[in-house]
Amino acid sequence: GSTLAKRTRPKLTKEQGEQLRAKFVEIRHKYDPQREKLKSDFAALRAKYKDFNAPDAKEELTAYKERLMSFRKQVSDELKAKRDELFPELKSEPGSSAQP
């Protein structure tokens, strides 16, 4: 089996975990309209192109994928920033685990 290497980092207390989850939900909600828009755009592409391998479909699909990726990155960056803001001690920077 593939066991994920356990990264040792300070554990959140239950309360902190709840707090963080609440923030994440908040941020997710904030992005719901954009997510819905992306979903409907994709549905429209699906309706427009029966075959996603069609040359003209490729272009639009690529553009859509780029928007999707940047949207996901935007959300995850904000989630990370919020986490770092709430719990700076959790900052997971590679190589910074050794305290000075």
C-alpha atoms as a PDB file:
ATOM      1  CA  GLY A   1       0.000   0.000   0.000  1.00  0.00           C
ATOM      2  CA  SER A   2       0.991   3.626  -0.337  1.00  0.00           C
ATOM      3  CA  THR A   3       1.323   5.184   3.073  1.00  0.00           C
ATOM      4  CA  LEU A   4       1.502   8.930   3.075  1.00  0.00           C
ATOM      5  CA  ALA A   5       4.590  10.190   4.832  1.00  0.00           C
ATOM      6  CA  LYS A   6       3.337  11.779   8.016  1.00  0.00           C
ATOM      7  CA  ARG A   7       4.495  15.372   8.161  1.00  0.00           C
ATOM      8  CA  THR A   8       5.217  16.304  11.727  1.00  0.00           C
ATOM      9  CA  ARG A   9       3.751  19.674  12.501  1.00  0.00           C
ATOM     10  CA  PRO A  10       2.013  21.199  15.480  1.00  0.00           C
ATOM     11  CA  LYS A  11      -1.429  19.705  15.963  1.00  0.00           C
ATOM     12  CA  LEU A  12      -4.501  21.877  16.184  1.00  0.00           C
ATOM     13  CA  THR A  13      -6.670  21.558  19.226  1.00  0.00           C
ATOM     14  CA  LYS A  14     -10.267  20.537  18.562  1.00  0.00           C
ATOM     15  CA  GLU A  15     -11.385  24.161  19.007  1.00  0.00           C
ATOM     16  CA  GLN A  16      -8.779  25.458  16.581  1.00  0.00           C
ATOM     17  CA  GLY A  17      -9.783  22.800  14.093  1.00  0.00           C
ATOM     18  CA  GLU A  18     -13.426  23.867  14.333  1.00  0.00           C
ATOM     19  CA  GLN A  19     -12.456  27.504  13.954  1.00  0.00           C
ATOM     20  CA  LEU A  20     -10.416  26.743  10.869  1.00  0.00           C
ATOM     21  CA  ARG A  21     -13.183  24.629   9.343  1.00  0.00           C
ATOM     22  CA  ALA A  22     -15.685  27.423   9.904  1.00  0.00           C
ATOM     23  CA  LYS A  23     -13.367  29.855   8.106  1.00  0.00           C
ATOM     24  CA  PHE A  24     -12.900  27.446   5.221  1.00  0.00           C
ATOM     25  CA  VAL A  25     -16.657  27.052   4.845  1.00  0.00           C
ATOM     26  CA  GLU A  26     -17.008  30.842   4.874  1.00  0.00           C
ATOM     27  CA  ILE A  27     -14.413  31.243   2.136  1.00  0.00           C
ATOM     28  CA  ARG A  28     -15.940  28.414   0.115  1.00  0.00           C
ATOM     29  CA  HIS A  29     -19.351  30.061   0.291  1.00  0.00           C
ATOM     30  CA  LYS A  30     -17.863  33.315  -0.871  1.00  0.00           C
ATOM     31  CA  TYR A  31     -16.701  31.543  -4.013  1.00  0.00           C
ATOM     32  CA  ASP A  32     -19.944  29.650  -4.646  1.00  0.00           C
ATOM     33  CA  PRO A  33     -21.212  32.055  -7.333  1.00  0.00           C
ATOM     34  CA  GLN A  34     -17.957  31.699  -9.270  1.00  0.00           C
ATOM     35  CA  ARG A  35     -18.050  27.937  -8.886  1.00  0.00           C
ATOM     36  CA  GLU A  36     -21.638  27.832 -10.172  1.00  0.00           C
ATOM     37  CA  LYS A  37     -20.665  30.009 -13.120  1.00  0.00           C
ATOM     38  CA  LEU A  38     -17.817  27.646 -13.986  1.00  0.00           C
ATOM     39  CA  LYS A  39     -20.181  24.686 -13.726  1.00  0.00           C
ATOM     40  CA  SER A  40     -22.736  26.228 -16.038  1.00  0.00           C
ATOM     41  CA  ASP A  41     -20.020  27.301 -18.475  1.00  0.00           C
ATOM     42  CA  PHE A  42     -18.846  23.720 -18.591  1.00  0.00           C
ATOM     43  CA  ALA A  43     -22.401  22.457 -19.122  1.00  0.00           C
ATOM     44  CA  ALA A  44     -22.709  24.918 -21.998  1.00  0.00           C
ATOM     45  CA  LEU A  45     -19.474  23.633 -23.535  1.00  0.00           C
ATOM     46  CA  ARG A  46     -20.726  20.080 -23.195  1.00  0.00           C
ATOM     47  CA  ALA A  47     -23.966  20.993 -24.951  1.00  0.00           C
ATOM     48  CA  LYS A  48     -22.158  22.907 -27.676  1.00  0.00           C
ATOM     49  CA  TYR A  49     -19.586  20.225 -28.461  1.00  0.00           C
ATOM     50  CA  LYS A  50     -20.715  16.639 -28.549  1.00  0.00           C
ATOM     51  CA  ASP A  51     -17.087  15.790 -29.202  1.00  0.00           C
ATOM     52  CA  PHE A  52     -14.468  17.453 -27.014  1.00  0.00           C
ATOM     53  CA  ASN A  53     -11.773  16.341 -29.421  1.00  0.00           C
ATOM     54  CA  ALA A  54     -13.055  18.628 -32.142  1.00  0.00           C
ATOM     55  CA  PRO A  55     -10.376  21.221 -32.973  1.00  0.00           C
ATOM     56  CA  ASP A  56     -12.536  24.205 -32.037  1.00  0.00           C
ATOM     57  CA  ALA A  57     -13.633  22.489 -28.827  1.00  0.00           C
ATOM     58  CA  LYS A  58     -10.004  22.060 -27.783  1.00  0.00           C
ATOM     59  CA  GLU A  59      -9.403  25.802 -27.725  1.00  0.00           C
ATOM     60  CA  GLU A  60     -12.451  26.622 -25.625  1.00  0.00           C
ATOM     61  CA  LEU A  61     -11.843  23.683 -23.343  1.00  0.00           C
ATOM     62  CA  THR A  62      -8.269  24.775 -22.731  1.00  0.00           C
ATOM     63  CA  ALA A  63      -9.462  28.273 -21.895  1.00  0.00           C
ATOM     64  CA  TYR A  64     -12.027  26.805 -19.529  1.00  0.00           C
ATOM     65  CA  LYS A  65      -9.441  24.592 -17.843  1.00  0.00           C
ATOM     66  CA  GLU A  66      -7.185  27.579 -17.301  1.00  0.00           C
ATOM     67  CA  ARG A  67     -10.018  29.483 -15.649  1.00  0.00           C
ATOM     68  CA  LEU A  68     -10.830  26.483 -13.502  1.00  0.00           C
ATOM     69  CA  MET A  69      -7.227  26.050 -12.415  1.00  0.00           C
ATOM     70  CA  SER A  70      -6.788  29.703 -11.568  1.00  0.00           C
ATOM     71  CA  PHE A  71     -10.072  29.655  -9.663  1.00  0.00           C
ATOM     72  CA  ARG A  72      -8.941  26.638  -7.641  1.00  0.00           C
ATOM     73  CA  LYS A  73      -5.590  28.235  -6.978  1.00  0.00           C
ATOM     74  CA  GLN A  74      -7.280  31.447  -5.867  1.00  0.00           C
ATOM     75  CA  VAL A  75      -9.446  29.548  -3.388  1.00  0.00           C
ATOM     76  CA  SER A  76      -6.641  27.394  -2.034  1.00  0.00           C
ATOM     77  CA  ASP A  77      -4.308  30.388  -1.723  1.00  0.00           C
ATOM     78  CA  GLU A  78      -6.943  32.195   0.285  1.00  0.00           C
ATOM     79  CA  LEU A  79      -7.528  29.163   2.485  1.00  0.00           C
ATOM     80  CA  LYS A  80      -3.795  28.863   3.131  1.00  0.00           C
ATOM     81  CA  ALA A  81      -3.477  32.564   3.845  1.00  0.00           C
ATOM     82  CA  LYS A  82      -6.380  32.376   6.294  1.00  0.00           C
ATOM     83  CA  ARG A  83      -4.833  29.389   8.033  1.00  0.00           C
ATOM     84  CA  ASP A  84      -1.468  31.117   8.320  1.00  0.00           C
ATOM     85  CA  GLU A  85      -3.173  34.223   9.611  1.00  0.00           C
ATOM     86  CA  LEU A  86      -5.121  32.327  12.287  1.00  0.00           C
ATOM     87  CA  PHE A  87      -2.346  29.937  13.249  1.00  0.00           C
ATOM     88  CA  PRO A  88       1.039  31.322  12.217  1.00  0.00           C
ATOM     89  CA  GLU A  89       2.675  28.506  14.177  1.00  0.00           C
ATOM     90  CA  LEU A  90       1.267  26.067  11.627  1.00  0.00           C
ATOM     91  CA  LYS A  91       2.981  27.672   8.654  1.00  0.00           C
ATOM     92  CA  SER A  92       4.171  24.678   6.714  1.00  0.00           C
ATOM     93  CA  GLU A  93       7.284  25.930   5.016  1.00  0.00           C
ATOM     94  CA  PRO A  94       9.642  23.217   3.882  1.00  0.00           C
ATOM     95  CA  GLY A  95      12.835  23.326   5.896  1.00  0.00           C
ATOM     96  CA  SER A  96      11.586  25.751   8.504  1.00  0.00           C
ATOM     97  CA  SER A  97      10.594  23.115  11.028  1.00  0.00           C
ATOM     98  CA  ALA A  98      13.845  23.549  12.924  1.00  0.00           C
ATOM     99  CA  GLN A  99      13.202  26.333  15.383  1.00  0.00           C
ATOM    100  CA  PRO A 100      16.026  28.873  15.733  1.00  0.00           C
END
